[in-house]
N, C-alpha and C. Protein backbone atom coordinates (compact mmCIF):
# COMPACT_ATOMS: atom_id res chain seq x y z
N MET A 1 28.60 -35.32 -7.61
CA MET A 1 27.86 -34.17 -8.07
C MET A 1 26.56 -34.65 -8.69
N VAL A 2 25.46 -34.02 -8.30
CA VAL A 2 24.13 -34.33 -8.82
C VAL A 2 23.68 -33.11 -9.61
N VAL A 3 23.26 -33.36 -10.85
CA VAL A 3 22.94 -32.21 -11.74
C VAL A 3 21.51 -32.42 -12.30
N GLY A 4 20.68 -31.41 -12.07
CA GLY A 4 19.33 -31.42 -12.62
C GLY A 4 19.21 -30.38 -13.74
N GLU A 5 17.97 -30.15 -14.14
CA GLU A 5 17.68 -29.26 -15.28
C GLU A 5 17.68 -27.80 -14.86
N ALA A 6 16.69 -27.43 -14.02
CA ALA A 6 16.51 -26.05 -13.61
C ALA A 6 15.70 -26.04 -12.35
N PRO A 7 15.71 -24.97 -11.59
CA PRO A 7 14.90 -24.92 -10.37
C PRO A 7 13.40 -25.06 -10.67
N GLY A 8 12.68 -25.76 -9.84
CA GLY A 8 11.24 -25.78 -9.88
C GLY A 8 10.72 -24.74 -8.92
N GLN A 9 9.44 -24.75 -8.70
CA GLN A 9 8.83 -23.74 -7.80
C GLN A 9 9.38 -23.83 -6.37
N ASN A 10 9.44 -25.05 -5.83
CA ASN A 10 9.94 -25.21 -4.46
C ASN A 10 11.39 -24.75 -4.34
N GLU A 11 12.17 -25.09 -5.35
CA GLU A 11 13.58 -24.72 -5.35
C GLU A 11 13.76 -23.21 -5.50
N ASP A 12 12.93 -22.63 -6.36
CA ASP A 12 12.99 -21.20 -6.57
C ASP A 12 12.66 -20.46 -5.26
N GLU A 13 11.65 -20.95 -4.55
CA GLU A 13 11.23 -20.32 -3.30
C GLU A 13 12.25 -20.61 -2.15
N GLY A 14 12.80 -21.84 -2.16
CA GLY A 14 13.70 -22.22 -1.10
C GLY A 14 15.16 -21.93 -1.33
N GLY A 15 15.51 -21.62 -2.62
CA GLY A 15 16.88 -21.22 -2.94
C GLY A 15 17.88 -22.36 -2.92
N GLU A 16 17.39 -23.60 -3.07
CA GLU A 16 18.26 -24.78 -3.02
C GLU A 16 17.69 -25.82 -3.97
N PRO A 17 18.54 -26.54 -4.72
CA PRO A 17 18.04 -27.53 -5.69
C PRO A 17 17.51 -28.80 -4.98
N PHE A 18 16.50 -29.34 -5.59
CA PHE A 18 15.92 -30.63 -5.18
C PHE A 18 15.49 -30.65 -3.73
N ILE A 19 14.59 -29.74 -3.36
CA ILE A 19 14.10 -29.71 -2.00
C ILE A 19 12.60 -30.05 -1.93
N GLY A 20 11.99 -30.27 -3.08
CA GLY A 20 10.56 -30.65 -3.11
C GLY A 20 10.38 -32.16 -3.12
N ARG A 21 9.22 -32.61 -3.59
CA ARG A 21 8.92 -34.04 -3.67
C ARG A 21 9.96 -34.81 -4.49
N SER A 22 10.34 -34.24 -5.61
CA SER A 22 11.36 -34.88 -6.46
C SER A 22 12.66 -35.10 -5.70
N GLY A 23 13.07 -34.09 -4.96
CA GLY A 23 14.30 -34.20 -4.19
C GLY A 23 14.24 -35.23 -3.12
N ARG A 24 13.07 -35.31 -2.44
CA ARG A 24 12.89 -36.32 -1.38
C ARG A 24 13.01 -37.72 -1.99
N LEU A 25 12.37 -37.94 -3.16
CA LEU A 25 12.47 -39.24 -3.80
C LEU A 25 13.90 -39.52 -4.24
N LEU A 26 14.52 -38.55 -4.87
CA LEU A 26 15.89 -38.71 -5.34
C LEU A 26 16.83 -39.15 -4.22
N PHE A 27 16.81 -38.42 -3.11
CA PHE A 27 17.77 -38.71 -2.06
C PHE A 27 17.39 -39.96 -1.24
N GLN A 28 16.15 -40.36 -1.26
CA GLN A 28 15.76 -41.65 -0.69
C GLN A 28 16.36 -42.76 -1.53
N LEU A 29 16.22 -42.66 -2.88
CA LEU A 29 16.77 -43.65 -3.77
C LEU A 29 18.31 -43.68 -3.71
N LEU A 30 18.90 -42.53 -3.70
CA LEU A 30 20.39 -42.47 -3.61
C LEU A 30 20.91 -43.14 -2.34
N SER A 31 20.20 -42.90 -1.22
CA SER A 31 20.60 -43.51 0.05
C SER A 31 20.41 -45.05 -0.02
N GLU A 32 19.27 -45.45 -0.50
CA GLU A 32 18.95 -46.89 -0.53
C GLU A 32 19.83 -47.66 -1.53
N GLU A 33 20.06 -47.11 -2.68
CA GLU A 33 20.74 -47.86 -3.76
C GLU A 33 22.25 -47.64 -3.81
N ALA A 34 22.70 -46.45 -3.44
CA ALA A 34 24.12 -46.15 -3.55
C ALA A 34 24.79 -45.81 -2.22
N GLY A 35 23.99 -45.75 -1.13
CA GLY A 35 24.58 -45.41 0.16
C GLY A 35 25.07 -44.00 0.25
N VAL A 36 24.47 -43.10 -0.55
CA VAL A 36 24.91 -41.72 -0.61
C VAL A 36 23.81 -40.83 0.01
N GLU A 37 24.24 -39.94 0.91
CA GLU A 37 23.34 -39.00 1.53
C GLU A 37 23.49 -37.64 0.88
N ARG A 38 22.45 -36.84 0.99
CA ARG A 38 22.47 -35.49 0.37
C ARG A 38 23.70 -34.69 0.79
N GLU A 39 24.06 -34.79 2.03
CA GLU A 39 25.19 -34.02 2.58
C GLU A 39 26.52 -34.35 1.91
N GLU A 40 26.59 -35.47 1.26
CA GLU A 40 27.80 -35.94 0.59
C GLU A 40 27.89 -35.46 -0.87
N CYS A 41 26.83 -34.79 -1.34
CA CYS A 41 26.72 -34.42 -2.74
C CYS A 41 26.77 -32.91 -2.91
N PHE A 42 27.35 -32.53 -4.02
CA PHE A 42 27.21 -31.16 -4.50
C PHE A 42 26.03 -31.21 -5.48
N VAL A 43 24.97 -30.45 -5.23
CA VAL A 43 23.72 -30.53 -6.00
C VAL A 43 23.51 -29.21 -6.71
N THR A 44 23.31 -29.28 -8.04
CA THR A 44 23.15 -28.09 -8.84
C THR A 44 22.25 -28.35 -10.01
N ASN A 45 22.00 -27.35 -10.80
CA ASN A 45 21.25 -27.45 -12.05
C ASN A 45 22.05 -26.81 -13.19
N VAL A 46 21.80 -27.26 -14.42
CA VAL A 46 22.48 -26.69 -15.57
C VAL A 46 21.95 -25.30 -15.87
N VAL A 47 20.70 -25.03 -15.57
CA VAL A 47 20.11 -23.71 -15.70
C VAL A 47 19.85 -23.19 -14.31
N LYS A 48 20.26 -21.97 -14.06
CA LYS A 48 20.23 -21.44 -12.67
C LYS A 48 18.96 -20.70 -12.27
N CYS A 49 18.11 -20.36 -13.24
CA CYS A 49 16.84 -19.68 -12.98
C CYS A 49 15.71 -20.49 -13.53
N ARG A 50 14.56 -20.43 -12.83
CA ARG A 50 13.38 -21.17 -13.25
C ARG A 50 12.81 -20.57 -14.55
N PRO A 51 12.70 -21.37 -15.62
CA PRO A 51 12.10 -20.90 -16.84
C PRO A 51 10.60 -20.56 -16.63
N PRO A 52 10.09 -19.59 -17.37
CA PRO A 52 8.67 -19.23 -17.24
C PRO A 52 7.77 -20.47 -17.41
N ALA A 53 6.74 -20.54 -16.59
CA ALA A 53 5.78 -21.66 -16.61
C ALA A 53 6.42 -23.00 -16.44
N ASN A 54 7.63 -23.05 -15.87
CA ASN A 54 8.35 -24.27 -15.59
C ASN A 54 8.62 -25.11 -16.86
N ARG A 55 8.73 -24.43 -18.02
CA ARG A 55 8.98 -25.12 -19.27
C ARG A 55 10.42 -25.62 -19.33
N THR A 56 10.67 -26.49 -20.31
CA THR A 56 12.04 -26.97 -20.55
C THR A 56 12.91 -25.79 -20.95
N PRO A 57 14.11 -25.69 -20.38
CA PRO A 57 14.97 -24.56 -20.75
C PRO A 57 15.31 -24.59 -22.25
N ARG A 58 15.44 -23.40 -22.80
CA ARG A 58 15.78 -23.27 -24.22
C ARG A 58 17.30 -23.25 -24.35
N ARG A 59 17.78 -23.45 -25.59
CA ARG A 59 19.22 -23.49 -25.88
C ARG A 59 19.93 -22.21 -25.38
N GLN A 60 19.28 -21.07 -25.60
CA GLN A 60 19.89 -19.80 -25.19
C GLN A 60 20.07 -19.75 -23.65
N GLU A 61 19.09 -20.29 -22.93
CA GLU A 61 19.20 -20.31 -21.49
C GLU A 61 20.30 -21.28 -21.00
N LEU A 62 20.38 -22.42 -21.65
CA LEU A 62 21.46 -23.37 -21.35
C LEU A 62 22.81 -22.73 -21.63
N ALA A 63 22.95 -22.09 -22.80
CA ALA A 63 24.21 -21.43 -23.18
C ALA A 63 24.59 -20.33 -22.20
N ALA A 64 23.59 -19.53 -21.79
CA ALA A 64 23.85 -18.43 -20.87
C ALA A 64 24.34 -18.92 -19.51
N CYS A 65 23.85 -20.08 -19.08
CA CYS A 65 24.22 -20.58 -17.74
C CYS A 65 25.43 -21.52 -17.77
N ARG A 66 25.83 -21.94 -18.95
CA ARG A 66 26.93 -22.91 -19.08
C ARG A 66 28.22 -22.48 -18.39
N PRO A 67 28.66 -21.24 -18.51
CA PRO A 67 29.89 -20.82 -17.82
C PRO A 67 29.80 -21.06 -16.30
N TRP A 68 28.68 -20.80 -15.66
CA TRP A 68 28.53 -21.02 -14.25
C TRP A 68 28.54 -22.50 -13.91
N PHE A 69 27.89 -23.29 -14.72
CA PHE A 69 27.91 -24.74 -14.51
C PHE A 69 29.33 -25.27 -14.65
N LEU A 70 30.03 -24.89 -15.68
CA LEU A 70 31.40 -25.35 -15.87
C LEU A 70 32.35 -24.95 -14.72
N GLU A 71 32.12 -23.74 -14.23
CA GLU A 71 32.89 -23.31 -13.06
C GLU A 71 32.59 -24.14 -11.84
N GLN A 72 31.34 -24.47 -11.63
CA GLN A 72 30.96 -25.36 -10.53
C GLN A 72 31.60 -26.73 -10.69
N LEU A 73 31.58 -27.25 -11.92
CA LEU A 73 32.16 -28.53 -12.21
C LEU A 73 33.67 -28.50 -11.90
N GLU A 74 34.35 -27.47 -12.31
CA GLU A 74 35.79 -27.36 -12.06
C GLU A 74 36.07 -27.22 -10.57
N ASP A 75 35.32 -26.35 -9.89
CA ASP A 75 35.54 -26.12 -8.45
C ASP A 75 35.23 -27.36 -7.63
N CYS A 76 34.19 -28.03 -8.00
CA CYS A 76 33.75 -29.25 -7.25
C CYS A 76 34.71 -30.42 -7.48
N ALA A 77 35.23 -30.52 -8.73
CA ALA A 77 36.13 -31.63 -9.11
C ALA A 77 35.54 -32.98 -8.65
N PRO A 78 34.34 -33.29 -9.09
CA PRO A 78 33.71 -34.56 -8.61
C PRO A 78 34.39 -35.79 -9.14
N ARG A 79 34.28 -36.85 -8.38
CA ARG A 79 34.75 -38.16 -8.87
C ARG A 79 33.70 -38.79 -9.77
N VAL A 80 32.43 -38.51 -9.44
CA VAL A 80 31.31 -39.09 -10.17
C VAL A 80 30.23 -38.03 -10.33
N VAL A 81 29.60 -38.02 -11.53
CA VAL A 81 28.53 -37.05 -11.83
C VAL A 81 27.27 -37.82 -12.18
N LEU A 82 26.16 -37.43 -11.58
CA LEU A 82 24.84 -38.03 -11.87
C LEU A 82 24.00 -36.91 -12.48
N ALA A 83 23.59 -37.14 -13.76
CA ALA A 83 22.73 -36.18 -14.46
C ALA A 83 21.32 -36.73 -14.47
N LEU A 84 20.35 -35.85 -14.17
CA LEU A 84 18.95 -36.29 -14.02
C LEU A 84 18.09 -35.74 -15.15
N GLY A 85 17.62 -36.60 -15.99
CA GLY A 85 16.72 -36.23 -17.08
C GLY A 85 17.40 -35.81 -18.37
N ASN A 86 16.56 -35.64 -19.41
CA ASN A 86 17.07 -35.31 -20.73
C ASN A 86 17.93 -34.07 -20.77
N THR A 87 17.42 -32.98 -20.25
CA THR A 87 18.12 -31.69 -20.37
C THR A 87 19.48 -31.77 -19.70
N ALA A 88 19.54 -32.27 -18.50
CA ALA A 88 20.81 -32.39 -17.82
C ALA A 88 21.77 -33.36 -18.50
N ALA A 89 21.26 -34.51 -18.93
CA ALA A 89 22.10 -35.47 -19.61
C ALA A 89 22.69 -34.92 -20.88
N ARG A 90 21.89 -34.17 -21.62
CA ARG A 90 22.36 -33.57 -22.86
C ARG A 90 23.39 -32.47 -22.59
N ALA A 91 23.12 -31.65 -21.59
CA ALA A 91 24.00 -30.53 -21.26
C ALA A 91 25.34 -31.03 -20.65
N VAL A 92 25.25 -32.03 -19.82
CA VAL A 92 26.48 -32.51 -19.15
C VAL A 92 27.31 -33.43 -20.01
N PHE A 93 26.67 -34.43 -20.64
CA PHE A 93 27.38 -35.45 -21.40
C PHE A 93 27.34 -35.28 -22.90
N GLY A 94 26.56 -34.32 -23.38
CA GLY A 94 26.46 -34.10 -24.83
C GLY A 94 25.59 -35.10 -25.54
N TYR A 95 24.75 -35.80 -24.82
CA TYR A 95 23.89 -36.81 -25.45
C TYR A 95 22.94 -36.12 -26.43
N VAL A 96 22.61 -36.82 -27.49
CA VAL A 96 21.59 -36.38 -28.45
C VAL A 96 20.30 -37.16 -28.20
N ASP A 97 20.46 -38.46 -27.97
CA ASP A 97 19.27 -39.33 -27.70
C ASP A 97 18.67 -38.98 -26.37
N GLY A 98 17.42 -39.39 -26.20
CA GLY A 98 16.72 -39.17 -24.96
C GLY A 98 17.18 -40.07 -23.83
N ILE A 99 16.68 -39.79 -22.66
CA ILE A 99 17.11 -40.50 -21.46
C ILE A 99 16.72 -41.98 -21.54
N GLY A 100 15.69 -42.32 -22.26
CA GLY A 100 15.31 -43.72 -22.41
C GLY A 100 16.37 -44.55 -23.08
N GLN A 101 17.18 -43.92 -23.95
CA GLN A 101 18.27 -44.61 -24.61
C GLN A 101 19.63 -44.44 -23.90
N THR A 102 19.74 -43.41 -23.10
CA THR A 102 21.08 -43.10 -22.54
C THR A 102 21.24 -43.42 -21.07
N HIS A 103 20.12 -43.65 -20.35
CA HIS A 103 20.25 -43.90 -18.91
C HIS A 103 21.13 -45.12 -18.64
N GLY A 104 21.86 -45.06 -17.58
CA GLY A 104 22.68 -46.20 -17.19
C GLY A 104 23.98 -46.35 -17.94
N ARG A 105 24.21 -45.52 -18.94
CA ARG A 105 25.45 -45.58 -19.75
C ARG A 105 26.54 -44.77 -19.03
N VAL A 106 27.67 -45.41 -18.77
CA VAL A 106 28.78 -44.74 -18.11
C VAL A 106 29.49 -43.87 -19.15
N CYS A 107 29.80 -42.64 -18.75
CA CYS A 107 30.40 -41.67 -19.62
C CYS A 107 31.60 -41.01 -18.92
N GLN A 108 32.65 -40.75 -19.65
CA GLN A 108 33.80 -40.08 -19.09
C GLN A 108 33.59 -38.57 -19.21
N LEU A 109 33.84 -37.84 -18.15
CA LEU A 109 33.69 -36.37 -18.17
C LEU A 109 34.94 -35.80 -17.50
N GLY A 110 35.96 -35.55 -18.29
CA GLY A 110 37.24 -35.13 -17.75
C GLY A 110 37.80 -36.25 -16.90
N ALA A 111 38.17 -35.93 -15.67
CA ALA A 111 38.69 -36.92 -14.75
C ALA A 111 37.59 -37.73 -14.06
N ALA A 112 36.37 -37.27 -14.22
CA ALA A 112 35.22 -37.93 -13.54
C ALA A 112 34.52 -38.91 -14.50
N GLN A 113 33.80 -39.83 -13.90
CA GLN A 113 32.89 -40.65 -14.66
C GLN A 113 31.51 -40.21 -14.30
N GLY A 114 30.59 -40.46 -15.25
CA GLY A 114 29.23 -40.03 -15.00
C GLY A 114 28.22 -41.00 -15.53
N ILE A 115 27.00 -40.76 -15.12
CA ILE A 115 25.89 -41.58 -15.53
C ILE A 115 24.63 -40.71 -15.49
N ALA A 116 23.71 -41.00 -16.38
CA ALA A 116 22.44 -40.26 -16.37
C ALA A 116 21.31 -41.25 -16.01
N THR A 117 20.31 -40.72 -15.40
CA THR A 117 19.09 -41.48 -15.14
C THR A 117 17.89 -40.57 -15.28
N TYR A 118 16.72 -41.12 -15.13
CA TYR A 118 15.50 -40.32 -15.20
C TYR A 118 15.47 -39.27 -14.11
N HIS A 119 14.81 -38.18 -14.40
CA HIS A 119 14.58 -37.14 -13.39
C HIS A 119 13.57 -37.71 -12.42
N PRO A 120 13.72 -37.49 -11.12
CA PRO A 120 12.73 -38.06 -10.16
C PRO A 120 11.32 -37.57 -10.38
N ALA A 121 11.15 -36.40 -11.01
CA ALA A 121 9.77 -35.93 -11.30
C ALA A 121 9.12 -36.87 -12.30
N ALA A 122 9.89 -37.45 -13.23
CA ALA A 122 9.34 -38.42 -14.15
C ALA A 122 8.89 -39.69 -13.42
N ALA A 123 9.66 -40.05 -12.42
CA ALA A 123 9.28 -41.24 -11.62
C ALA A 123 8.00 -40.96 -10.81
N LEU A 124 7.86 -39.74 -10.33
CA LEU A 124 6.66 -39.43 -9.58
C LEU A 124 5.42 -39.45 -10.49
N ARG A 125 5.62 -39.09 -11.77
CA ARG A 125 4.51 -39.12 -12.73
C ARG A 125 4.25 -40.52 -13.25
N ALA A 126 5.33 -41.26 -13.57
CA ALA A 126 5.17 -42.55 -14.26
C ALA A 126 5.07 -43.73 -13.30
N GLY A 127 5.60 -43.61 -12.12
CA GLY A 127 5.44 -44.66 -11.14
C GLY A 127 6.54 -45.70 -11.05
N PRO A 128 6.17 -46.89 -10.59
CA PRO A 128 7.15 -47.92 -10.23
C PRO A 128 8.10 -48.34 -11.31
N SER A 129 7.67 -48.37 -12.56
CA SER A 129 8.59 -48.80 -13.64
C SER A 129 9.79 -47.88 -13.77
N VAL A 130 9.56 -46.57 -13.68
CA VAL A 130 10.67 -45.61 -13.77
C VAL A 130 11.52 -45.66 -12.50
N VAL A 131 10.88 -45.80 -11.35
CA VAL A 131 11.64 -45.94 -10.12
C VAL A 131 12.57 -47.17 -10.18
N GLY A 132 12.08 -48.23 -10.75
CA GLY A 132 12.90 -49.45 -10.93
C GLY A 132 14.11 -49.20 -11.79
N VAL A 133 13.95 -48.46 -12.88
CA VAL A 133 15.05 -48.13 -13.77
C VAL A 133 16.06 -47.23 -13.01
N MET A 134 15.51 -46.27 -12.28
CA MET A 134 16.40 -45.40 -11.51
C MET A 134 17.19 -46.19 -10.49
N ARG A 135 16.54 -47.13 -9.80
CA ARG A 135 17.27 -47.98 -8.83
C ARG A 135 18.42 -48.73 -9.48
N ALA A 136 18.16 -49.30 -10.67
CA ALA A 136 19.21 -50.02 -11.37
C ALA A 136 20.33 -49.08 -11.77
N ASP A 137 20.01 -47.91 -12.28
CA ASP A 137 21.04 -46.91 -12.65
C ASP A 137 21.86 -46.49 -11.45
N LEU A 138 21.19 -46.32 -10.31
CA LEU A 138 21.92 -45.90 -9.12
C LEU A 138 22.79 -47.03 -8.59
N GLY A 139 22.45 -48.28 -8.90
CA GLY A 139 23.36 -49.39 -8.61
C GLY A 139 24.66 -49.25 -9.39
N ILE A 140 24.57 -48.82 -10.63
CA ILE A 140 25.75 -48.59 -11.44
C ILE A 140 26.56 -47.41 -10.84
N LEU A 141 25.85 -46.36 -10.41
CA LEU A 141 26.49 -45.24 -9.74
C LEU A 141 27.28 -45.71 -8.52
N LYS A 142 26.68 -46.60 -7.75
CA LYS A 142 27.38 -47.13 -6.57
C LYS A 142 28.68 -47.80 -6.97
N GLN A 143 28.67 -48.56 -8.04
CA GLN A 143 29.91 -49.22 -8.52
C GLN A 143 30.95 -48.18 -8.92
N LEU A 144 30.50 -47.11 -9.61
CA LEU A 144 31.45 -46.06 -9.98
C LEU A 144 32.06 -45.39 -8.77
N LEU A 145 31.25 -45.14 -7.76
CA LEU A 145 31.76 -44.53 -6.52
C LEU A 145 32.76 -45.45 -5.84
N GLU A 146 32.49 -46.74 -5.83
CA GLU A 146 33.41 -47.71 -5.20
C GLU A 146 34.75 -47.78 -5.94
N GLN A 147 34.70 -47.57 -7.25
CA GLN A 147 35.93 -47.59 -8.10
C GLN A 147 36.72 -46.30 -8.00
N ALA A 148 36.02 -45.20 -7.68
CA ALA A 148 36.66 -43.87 -7.72
C ALA A 148 37.53 -43.64 -6.51
């Protein structure tokens, strides 16, 4: 299961998560580092509607969408969960610290194990250093998948 923050403009228009530039980078890295293709993943967001001006979702929006996310989590019953970025990592794993401190940390989520990494949009903005961190985190994800 791959979990992002909220739909962006491309996703809002296309009706599917991670179909823009961020999604292309994400699934390229997932394929290269973990051997996982998009078709093998259940892809969702913790917030189901795009916030105005593409801002970070507010607590009320996260709370309003939480029942749908939890239902997806239960229905999907993933072996491994990948959370992308601060908002998703906090909503999925309950982290308080930012992604810079929590990425790559393995977390138990019911019967599943999970890991958080940077959102691919951050990698598109920040460049190779963030892509390198994502690659390392996805290497940990690969190990989790092999163990599951």
